[in-house]
Amino acid sequence: MRWPAGLLTFAALAIAPLAQCAGRLSQSHGANHRSLRAGGSTDVVARILADKLGTELKQSFVVENRSGAGGNIGADVVAKASPDGYTLLMGTTGVLAINKYLYKDMAFDPERDLFP
């Protein structure tokens, strides 16, 4: 199967910063939490990236979907997780920029609670 050049570029750019912090991550566990529904385009890209990250960092990545409220439920789980490097968010424009204007009572603030 031939991969589109744009997808490979995106994957390489996404993996590069994480590969630099591989020494700080435990070799026994990794997690990738996403906030959107299973089977969607974000899910597919996140699964591809989790596979590539697992190969590159030599550790397992568990892909977990927490859908609902436009992605806010999953993003809230990530925002409240321990900042230990085990929890990653496959965020979208909606979760990171738009939802704060659509939802009056969000349990987290993307600018304050999520760190790139």
Foldseek 3Di string as FASTA:
>chain_A
DDDDPVLVVVLCVVQVVVLVCLVQDDLEAAEEEEQADPPDPLNVSVVVSQVVNCVSSVHHYHYYYHYDPQSLRRVLVQLPDDPRRRYHYSDDCCNQPNSVVVDVDRPDHNVPRDDD
